[in-house]
C-alpha atoms as a PDB file:
ATOM      1  CA  UNK A   1      38.897 -65.091  66.284  1.00  0.00           C
ATOM      2  CA  UNK A   2      35.464 -63.493  66.367  1.00  0.00           C
ATOM      3  CA  UNK A   3      34.979 -59.765  66.909  1.00  0.00           C
ATOM      4  CA  UNK A   4      33.097 -60.181  70.181  1.00  0.00           C
ATOM      5  CA  UNK A   5      35.349 -62.830  71.745  1.00  0.00           C
ATOM      6  CA  UNK A   6      37.601 -62.103  74.696  1.00  0.00           C
ATOM      7  CA  UNK A   7      40.912 -63.959  74.816  1.00  0.00           C
ATOM      8  CA  UNK A   8      43.151 -64.489  77.829  1.00  0.00           C
ATOM      9  CA  UNK A   9      46.108 -66.439  76.499  1.00  0.00           C
ATOM     10  CA  UNK A  10      44.786 -69.843  75.530  1.00  0.00           C
ATOM     11  CA  UNK A  11      41.390 -69.321  77.205  1.00  0.00           C
ATOM     12  CA  UNK A  12      38.753 -67.822  74.895  1.00  0.00           C
ATOM     13  CA  UNK A  13      35.413 -66.545  76.129  1.00  0.00           C
ATOM     14  CA  UNK A  14      32.784 -66.340  73.410  1.00  0.00           C
ATOM     15  CA  UNK A  15      29.932 -63.871  73.405  1.00  0.00           C
ATOM     16  CA  UNK A  16      26.551 -65.314  74.380  1.00  0.00           C
ATOM     17  CA  UNK A  17      25.541 -65.362  70.695  1.00  0.00           C
ATOM     18  CA  UNK A  18      28.541 -67.406  69.652  1.00  0.00           C
ATOM     19  CA  UNK A  19      28.619 -70.084  72.334  1.00  0.00           C
ATOM     20  CA  UNK A  20      27.665 -73.313  70.620  1.00  0.00           C
ATOM     21  CA  UNK A  21      25.189 -75.687  72.168  1.00  0.00           C
ATOM     22  CA  UNK A  22      26.745 -79.131  72.498  1.00  0.00           C
ATOM     23  CA  UNK A  23      23.770 -81.049  73.879  1.00  0.00           C
ATOM     24  CA  UNK A  24      22.257 -81.885  77.220  1.00  0.00           C
ATOM     25  CA  UNK A  25      23.686 -84.070  79.960  1.00  0.00           C
ATOM     26  CA  UNK A  26      22.147 -85.924  82.866  1.00  0.00           C
ATOM     27  CA  UNK A  27      23.750 -85.961  86.280  1.00  0.00           C
ATOM     28  CA  UNK A  28      24.196 -89.532  87.464  1.00  0.00           C
ATOM     29  CA  UNK A  29      23.745 -90.882  90.991  1.00  0.00           C
ATOM     30  CA  UNK A  30      27.366 -90.135  91.838  1.00  0.00           C
ATOM     31  CA  UNK A  31      27.251 -86.606  90.366  1.00  0.00           C
ATOM     32  CA  UNK A  32      28.933 -87.597  87.121  1.00  0.00           C
ATOM     33  CA  UNK A  33      28.119 -86.197  83.694  1.00  0.00           C
ATOM     34  CA  UNK A  34      29.239 -87.249  80.239  1.00  0.00           C
ATOM     35  CA  UNK A  35      30.595 -84.361  78.167  1.00  0.00           C
ATOM     36  CA  UNK A  36      29.065 -84.518  74.670  1.00  0.00           C
ATOM     37  CA  UNK A  37      31.455 -85.879  72.039  1.00  0.00           C
ATOM     38  CA  UNK A  38      31.355 -82.674  69.941  1.00  0.00           C
ATOM     39  CA  UNK A  39      32.486 -80.638  72.959  1.00  0.00           C
ATOM     40  CA  UNK A  40      35.227 -83.165  73.781  1.00  0.00           C
ATOM     41  CA  UNK A  41      36.514 -82.982  70.214  1.00  0.00           C
ATOM     42  CA  UNK A  42      36.249 -79.173  70.031  1.00  0.00           C
ATOM     43  CA  UNK A  43      38.226 -78.695  73.266  1.00  0.00           C
ATOM     44  CA  UNK A  44      40.469 -81.748  72.905  1.00  0.00           C
ATOM     45  CA  UNK A  45      39.240 -83.328  76.144  1.00  0.00           C
ATOM     46  CA  UNK A  46      40.219 -86.934  76.584  1.00  0.00           C
ATOM     47  CA  UNK A  47      39.864 -89.675  79.145  1.00  0.00           C
ATOM     48  CA  UNK A  48      41.921 -88.892  82.236  1.00  0.00           C
ATOM     49  CA  UNK A  49      42.208 -85.146  81.544  1.00  0.00           C
ATOM     50  CA  UNK A  50      41.910 -83.021  84.676  1.00  0.00           C
ATOM     51  CA  UNK A  51      39.272 -80.281  84.541  1.00  0.00           C
ATOM     52  CA  UNK A  52      38.526 -77.405  86.902  1.00  0.00           C
ATOM     53  CA  UNK A  53      34.892 -76.463  87.476  1.00  0.00           C
ATOM     54  CA  UNK A  54      33.970 -72.783  87.846  1.00  0.00           C
ATOM     55  CA  UNK A  55      30.619 -71.169  88.537  1.00  0.00           C
ATOM     56  CA  UNK A  56      29.536 -68.706  85.866  1.00  0.00           C
ATOM     57  CA  UNK A  57      26.976 -65.886  85.921  1.00  0.00           C
ATOM     58  CA  UNK A  58      23.440 -67.083  85.508  1.00  0.00           C
ATOM     59  CA  UNK A  59      23.925 -70.210  87.620  1.00  0.00           C
ATOM     60  CA  UNK A  60      26.012 -72.240  85.179  1.00  0.00           C
ATOM     61  CA  UNK A  61      29.161 -74.293  85.482  1.00  0.00           C
ATOM     62  CA  UNK A  62      32.169 -74.032  83.162  1.00  0.00           C
ATOM     63  CA  UNK A  63      34.936 -76.614  82.895  1.00  0.00           C
ATOM     64  CA  UNK A  64      38.513 -75.736  81.950  1.00  0.00           C
ATOM     65  CA  UNK A  65      41.432 -78.047  81.355  1.00  0.00           C
ATOM     66  CA  UNK A  66      44.014 -77.707  84.125  1.00  0.00           C
ATOM     67  CA  UNK A  67      46.837 -77.430  81.573  1.00  0.00           C
ATOM     68  CA  UNK A  68      45.163 -74.426  79.916  1.00  0.00           C
ATOM     69  CA  UNK A  69      44.603 -72.658  83.221  1.00  0.00           C
ATOM     70  CA  UNK A  70      48.234 -73.383  84.177  1.00  0.00           C
ATOM     71  CA  UNK A  71      49.466 -71.881  80.895  1.00  0.00           C
ATOM     72  CA  UNK A  72      47.207 -68.859  81.369  1.00  0.00           C
ATOM     73  CA  UNK A  73      48.538 -68.271  84.901  1.00  0.00           C
ATOM     74  CA  UNK A  74      52.148 -68.739  83.745  1.00  0.00           C
ATOM     75  CA  UNK A  75      51.664 -66.235  80.931  1.00  0.00           C
ATOM     76  CA  UNK A  76      49.946 -63.761  83.256  1.00  0.00           C
ATOM     77  CA  UNK A  77      52.724 -64.075  85.849  1.00  0.00           C
ATOM     78  CA  UNK A  78      55.374 -63.507  83.154  1.00  0.00           C
ATOM     79  CA  UNK A  79      53.587 -60.389  81.960  1.00  0.00           C
ATOM     80  CA  UNK A  80      53.174 -59.158  85.533  1.00  0.00           C
ATOM     81  CA  UNK A  81      56.893 -59.659  86.130  1.00  0.00           C
ATOM     82  CA  UNK A  82      57.689 -57.644  82.989  1.00  0.00           C
ATOM     83  CA  UNK A  83      55.371 -54.849  84.115  1.00  0.00           C
ATOM     84  CA  UNK A  84      56.964 -54.809  87.580  1.00  0.00           C
ATOM     85  CA  UNK A  85      60.410 -54.432  85.989  1.00  0.00           C
ATOM     86  CA  UNK A  86      59.217 -51.519  83.854  1.00  0.00           C
ATOM     87  CA  UNK A  87      57.600 -49.864  86.877  1.00  0.00           C
ATOM     88  CA  UNK A  88      60.764 -50.340  88.939  1.00  0.00           C
ATOM     89  CA  UNK A  89      62.881 -48.795  86.168  1.00  0.00           C
ATOM     90  CA  UNK A  90      60.560 -45.823  85.710  1.00  0.00           C
ATOM     91  CA  UNK A  91      60.431 -45.150  89.456  1.00  0.00           C
ATOM     92  CA  UNK A  92      64.255 -44.837  89.480  1.00  0.00           C
ATOM     93  CA  UNK A  93      64.181 -42.124  86.814  1.00  0.00           C
ATOM     94  CA  UNK A  94      63.938 -38.515  88.018  1.00  0.00           C
ATOM     95  CA  UNK A  95      60.607 -36.802  87.476  1.00  0.00           C
ATOM     96  CA  UNK A  96      60.567 -35.070  84.118  1.00  0.00           C
ATOM     97  CA  UNK A  97      59.306 -31.498  83.847  1.00  0.00           C
ATOM     98  CA  UNK A  98      59.085 -30.869  87.599  1.00  0.00           C
ATOM     99  CA  UNK A  99      61.327 -28.371  89.300  1.00  0.00           C
ATOM    100  CA  UNK A 100      63.037 -29.496  92.486  1.00  0.00           C
ATOM    101  CA  UNK A 101      61.601 -28.075  95.694  1.00  0.00           C
ATOM    102  CA  UNK A 102      63.124 -24.751  96.570  1.00  0.00           C
ATOM    103  CA  UNK A 103      64.113 -25.035 100.213  1.00  0.00           C
ATOM    104  CA  UNK A 104      66.708 -23.497 102.441  1.00  0.00           C
ATOM    105  CA  UNK A 105      69.376 -25.392 104.375  1.00  0.00           C
ATOM    106  CA  UNK A 106      66.965 -26.269 107.186  1.00  0.00           C
ATOM    107  CA  UNK A 107      64.635 -28.004 104.762  1.00  0.00           C
ATOM    108  CA  UNK A 108      61.946 -25.324 105.035  1.00  0.00           C
ATOM    109  CA  UNK A 109      60.334 -24.390 101.765  1.00  0.00           C
ATOM    110  CA  UNK A 110      61.353 -20.977 100.462  1.00  0.00           C
ATOM    111  CA  UNK A 111      58.569 -18.587  99.632  1.00  0.00           C
ATOM    112  CA  UNK A 112      58.635 -16.493  96.521  1.00  0.00           C
ATOM    113  CA  UNK A 113      58.765 -12.762  97.057  1.00  0.00           C
END
């Protein structure tokens, strides 16, 4: 992978210098476009594949295969679950290096003399 790419699971965002130009498309009367063949081959997009359309900065549109987004979300949810388990385990452990509050029987904090 390139040095300036950002990867989220199976979704890779390329830097602006490394995004290839695949050609131009014309929007038809019904709002349809034909994805250039090089882009279809590069991203393994075939007839009948479901794509999600997202707006991108600068007024563009990006298409992502539903299966890739689903895998990304699944992976992210698995990682989140793992992090939640670690956080839950660490919150059960007593604080390290902190002395317990010095208080008398009534719960009032004792002052040092």
